[in-house]
């Protein structure tokens, strides 16, 4: 199976997308236990999906430590991975499921992106990124306290 076929099989997957989002928003590597607590999935399911992402080259184990006699592995996103590489417009589309606008008649219309609109959205998302990153970071801190 070639790399493109592998990528198509891996995405979209809600749990894997949440894992990547949690790792991407964290200022330090996370263990599957920490990720499960943040995204609200079971440790078994989270560990499975982390292994799948590791095999795909999207995340890598960067550290390990001992916790109550067991070895805990810590993972981080591979920044230049094809799996996580998306333009910002695609990230916006993924976040909202679809890009729609209200037309002059008050009806929702699905927008098909051309290169110019994609570029405009990419620039807008780049400007919003620091604000979004701060909001996600605060959410992760709250989730860790629970």
Foldseek 3Di string as FASTA:
>chain_A
DDLVVLLVVPPDDVLLVQLQVVQVLDPDFDFLVLSCLLVVHDSVVSVVSVVSCVVSVQKDFDDWDDDPRDITTTIHGPVPRPNPDDQQLVVVCVVVVFDWDQDPVRDIDGDDDDPVVSVVNSVVSVVCVVVVSVVVNVSSVVSSVD
